[in-house]
Protein backbone atom coordinates (compact mmCIF):
# COMPACT_ATOMS: atom_id res chain seq x y z
CA MET A 1 -11.43 24.48 -26.80
CA THR A 2 -10.75 28.10 -27.41
CA ALA A 3 -10.34 28.97 -30.81
CA THR A 4 -5.93 29.15 -30.57
CA SER A 5 -3.98 25.95 -31.92
CA LEU A 6 -2.85 25.13 -28.61
CA LEU A 7 -2.96 21.44 -27.73
CA PRO A 8 -5.75 20.45 -24.86
CA PRO A 9 -3.42 18.30 -21.77
CA PRO A 10 -4.23 14.94 -21.38
CA VAL A 11 -7.29 14.44 -18.91
CA MET A 12 -8.04 11.48 -16.89
CA TRP A 13 -11.62 11.95 -14.96
CA ALA A 14 -13.97 10.10 -12.53
CA GLN A 15 -16.92 10.77 -10.49
CA ARG A 16 -18.91 10.02 -7.19
CA LYS A 17 -22.66 11.03 -6.86
CA GLN A 18 -21.39 14.33 -5.12
CA GLY A 19 -18.33 15.09 -7.32
CA VAL A 20 -15.51 14.63 -9.64
CA PHE A 21 -12.37 13.91 -10.15
CA LEU A 22 -10.14 15.31 -12.47
CA THR A 23 -6.82 14.90 -12.92
CA ILE A 24 -4.72 16.95 -15.66
CA CYS A 25 -1.59 14.89 -16.56
CA LEU A 26 1.11 17.15 -17.41
CA GLU A 27 4.56 16.93 -15.47
CA ASP A 28 6.44 19.78 -14.07
CA CYS A 29 3.39 22.46 -15.35
CA LYS A 30 4.77 25.44 -12.76
CA ASP A 31 2.21 27.85 -12.24
CA PRO A 32 -0.87 26.95 -14.45
CA SER A 33 -3.41 29.41 -14.88
CA ILE A 34 -6.63 27.75 -13.38
CA GLN A 35 -9.66 29.24 -13.39
CA LEU A 36 -13.17 26.88 -12.08
CA ASN A 37 -16.40 28.99 -13.42
CA ALA A 38 -20.02 26.98 -12.49
CA ASP A 39 -20.01 25.79 -15.96
CA LYS A 40 -16.38 25.43 -16.88
CA ILE A 41 -12.99 25.09 -16.33
CA HIS A 42 -10.17 27.05 -17.89
CA PHE A 43 -6.92 25.80 -17.91
CA LYS A 44 -3.45 26.85 -19.40
CA GLY A 45 0.08 25.62 -18.64
CA ALA A 46 3.34 24.41 -20.12
CA GLY A 47 4.82 21.49 -19.27
CA GLY A 48 6.10 18.32 -19.53
CA ALA A 49 9.21 16.68 -21.49
CA ASP A 50 9.14 19.08 -24.16
CA LYS A 51 7.35 22.01 -21.96
CA LYS A 52 4.67 22.47 -24.34
CA GLU A 53 2.26 25.09 -23.58
CA TYR A 54 -1.36 23.20 -23.57
CA GLU A 55 -5.05 25.01 -22.87
CA MET A 56 -8.25 23.84 -22.46
CA ASP A 57 -12.01 25.59 -21.89
CA LEU A 58 -13.62 22.24 -20.69
CA GLU A 59 -17.69 22.57 -20.21
CA VAL A 60 -18.75 20.47 -17.56
CA PHE A 61 -22.13 18.23 -18.10
CA GLU A 62 -23.85 20.35 -15.19
CA PRO A 63 -23.31 23.26 -12.74
CA ILE A 64 -20.32 22.48 -10.37
CA ASP A 65 -20.14 24.80 -6.73
CA PRO A 66 -16.69 26.31 -7.79
CA GLU A 67 -16.30 27.68 -3.67
CA LYS A 68 -16.71 24.12 -2.57
CA SER A 69 -13.89 22.54 -5.52
CA THR A 70 -10.44 22.18 -5.25
CA HIS A 71 -6.89 21.91 -7.15
CA ARG A 72 -3.63 21.11 -5.95
CA ASN A 73 -0.66 20.89 -8.42
CA THR A 74 2.21 17.46 -7.26
CA GLY A 75 4.32 18.45 -9.79
CA ARG A 76 3.60 15.77 -11.61
CA VAL A 77 -0.39 16.25 -12.43
CA ILE A 78 -3.08 18.85 -11.54
CA GLU A 79 -5.93 17.34 -9.45
CA PHE A 80 -9.21 18.41 -9.05
CA GLU A 81 -11.88 17.63 -6.59
CA LEU A 82 -14.99 19.25 -7.94
CA LYS A 83 -17.92 19.21 -5.96
CA LYS A 84 -21.43 18.91 -7.87
CA ALA A 85 -24.10 21.36 -7.34
CA THR A 86 -26.64 18.81 -6.84
CA ASP A 87 -25.98 14.92 -5.83
CA ASN A 88 -26.29 13.04 -9.38
CA PHE A 89 -24.32 10.62 -11.73
CA TRP A 90 -22.51 12.40 -15.00
CA PRO A 91 -23.73 10.02 -18.10
CA ARG A 92 -20.60 11.69 -19.07
CA LEU A 93 -17.81 14.28 -17.90
CA THR A 94 -18.80 17.11 -20.56
CA LYS A 95 -21.61 18.92 -21.85
CA SER A 96 -21.05 18.29 -25.31
CA ASN A 97 -21.98 14.54 -26.57
CA GLU A 98 -18.74 15.05 -28.63
CA LYS A 99 -15.61 12.33 -28.03
CA LYS A 100 -12.92 14.11 -26.94
CA HIS A 101 -9.74 11.84 -27.58
CA TRP A 102 -7.84 13.58 -24.72
CA ILE A 103 -10.42 12.72 -22.06
CA LYS A 104 -9.91 9.34 -20.46
CA VAL A 105 -12.31 7.49 -17.67
CA ASP A 106 -9.62 7.19 -14.16
CA PHE A 107 -11.03 3.45 -13.68
CA SER A 108 -8.54 3.48 -10.16
CA ARG A 109 -10.84 5.99 -9.13
CA TRP A 110 -13.98 4.82 -10.82
CA LYS A 111 -17.38 4.38 -8.71
CA ASP A 112 -20.94 2.89 -10.74
CA GLU A 113 -24.31 4.77 -9.42
CA ASP A 114 -25.11 1.46 -8.16
CA ASP A 115 -21.78 1.18 -6.12
CA SER A 116 -21.78 0.81 -2.10
CA ASP A 117 -19.83 3.42 -0.52
CA ASP A 118 -19.44 1.01 2.05
CA GLU A 119 -16.37 -1.02 1.39
CA ALA A 120 -16.84 -3.18 4.25
CA GLU A 121 -19.79 -4.96 1.92
CA ALA A 122 -17.04 -6.28 -0.40
CA GLY A 123 -16.67 -9.99 -0.79
CA PRO A 124 -13.38 -11.71 -0.72
CA GLY A 125 -10.50 -9.90 -2.25
CA GLY A 126 -12.55 -6.81 -2.09
CA MET A 127 -14.53 -7.93 -4.95
CA PRO A 128 -18.73 -6.71 -4.00
CA GLY A 129 -20.81 -9.60 -4.53
CA MET A 130 -18.19 -12.35 -4.85
CA GLY A 131 -18.56 -14.23 -1.83
CA GLY A 132 -19.40 -17.88 -1.46
CA MET A 133 -18.72 -18.68 -5.22
CA GLY A 134 -20.91 -21.62 -5.39
CA MET A 135 -19.48 -24.48 -8.34
CA GLY A 136 -22.26 -26.78 -7.78
CA GLY A 137 -23.68 -26.08 -11.41
CA MET A 138 -20.50 -26.28 -13.37
CA PRO A 139 -20.12 -29.14 -15.38
CA GLY A 140 -17.82 -31.57 -14.64
CA MET A 141 -16.83 -30.22 -11.17
CA GLY A 142 -18.79 -33.26 -8.81
CA GLY A 143 -20.61 -30.83 -6.61
CA MET A 144 -18.12 -28.44 -5.14
CA GLY A 145 -20.79 -26.77 -3.22
CA GLY A 146 -19.52 -23.57 -2.20
CA MET A 147 -15.88 -22.36 -2.13
CA GLY A 148 -16.35 -20.67 0.87
CA GLY A 149 -14.68 -21.41 4.58
CA GLY A 150 -15.33 -24.89 5.69
CA THR A 151 -14.56 -27.27 2.43
CA ASP A 152 -13.51 -30.08 2.85
CA PHE A 153 -11.01 -30.87 0.39
CA GLU A 154 -10.33 -33.94 1.14
CA GLU A 155 -13.90 -35.06 0.49
CA MET A 156 -14.25 -33.35 -2.16
CA MET A 157 -11.16 -34.85 -4.14
CA ARG A 158 -12.58 -38.72 -3.07
CA GLN A 159 -15.58 -37.61 -5.01
CA MET A 160 -13.76 -37.17 -7.75
CA GLY A 161 -12.22 -40.23 -7.22
CA GLY A 162 -8.79 -38.37 -6.50
CA LEU A 163 -8.64 -40.68 -2.65
CA SER A 164 -9.94 -43.64 -1.50
CA GLY A 165 -9.31 -44.97 1.93
CA GLY A 166 -7.73 -41.96 3.98
CA GLY A 167 -5.44 -39.39 3.77
CA LEU A 168 -3.66 -38.05 0.48
CA GLY A 169 -1.86 -41.51 0.48
CA GLY A 170 -2.95 -42.66 -3.05
CA ALA A 171 -4.14 -41.28 -6.81
CA GLY A 172 -6.84 -43.19 -8.69
CA GLY A 173 -8.02 -45.39 -5.40
CA LEU A 174 -4.71 -47.03 -5.00
CA GLY A 175 -5.00 -45.96 -1.19
CA ASP A 176 -1.65 -47.01 -0.56
CA LYS A 177 1.49 -45.60 -1.46
CA PRO A 178 3.46 -47.00 -4.75
CA SER A 179 6.29 -49.46 -4.44
CA LEU A 180 9.38 -47.76 -6.11
CA ASP A 181 11.40 -51.00 -5.58
CA ASP A 182 11.20 -52.10 -9.23
CA LEU A 183 12.83 -48.84 -10.10
CA ASP A 184 16.10 -50.48 -10.28
CA LYS A 185 15.99 -53.80 -12.37
CA GLU A 186 17.63 -53.82 -15.53
CA THR A 187 15.68 -55.23 -17.90
CA ASP A 188 16.84 -56.61 -21.78
CA SER A 189 13.47 -54.78 -23.06
CA ASP A 190 15.55 -51.30 -22.38
CA ASP A 191 16.06 -50.19 -26.64
CA ASP A 192 16.82 -46.20 -25.10
CA ASP A 193 20.08 -47.57 -23.67
CA ASP A 194 21.93 -48.45 -26.89
CA GLU A 195 25.01 -46.42 -27.77
CA LEU A 196 24.27 -43.67 -30.17
CA PRO A 197 26.16 -43.12 -33.64
CA ASP A 198 28.88 -40.91 -33.80
CA LEU A 199 28.35 -37.51 -35.28
CA GLU A 200 29.84 -36.55 -38.58
């Protein structure tokens, strides 16, 4: 940051092996001053609800290629796609190890070094490594096998004691549908049918 007393804008960032996504979260910033250098990004502009002026000089962890890097102002944010000079992952955005409270990680765009670029390898729900969640080793689950396709739900319920015989006809091994004929009979032992006392 420069020696002036201007505040730095809120910044979010994410990375890939080849580049960095940087977002300056400043609405209605008209005609900002932006300079991309190999080792530094300069930004100055006014925006937000109260049209405050913001400024930052951000020294990046390793050099970027300013010729191949781009930025655009969407009206809500200023987005940068910074091309790294060398394809590798950075441990942080800034050269300095100092924590900057105004820089946050953009987890919606983040990709770790060991993440695959191929989304086809992702399991169910787009989450990698979640295919065939074997639950046979979980206590109390009765050896369910895997949750992948082909699980026989009736067989699983039968093993857990929820079905006997066939179908979903009964619970607890009854097998037949329960009779509801005795619900209409009145008994003398119903204490809850007595009249309630008057309210005072």
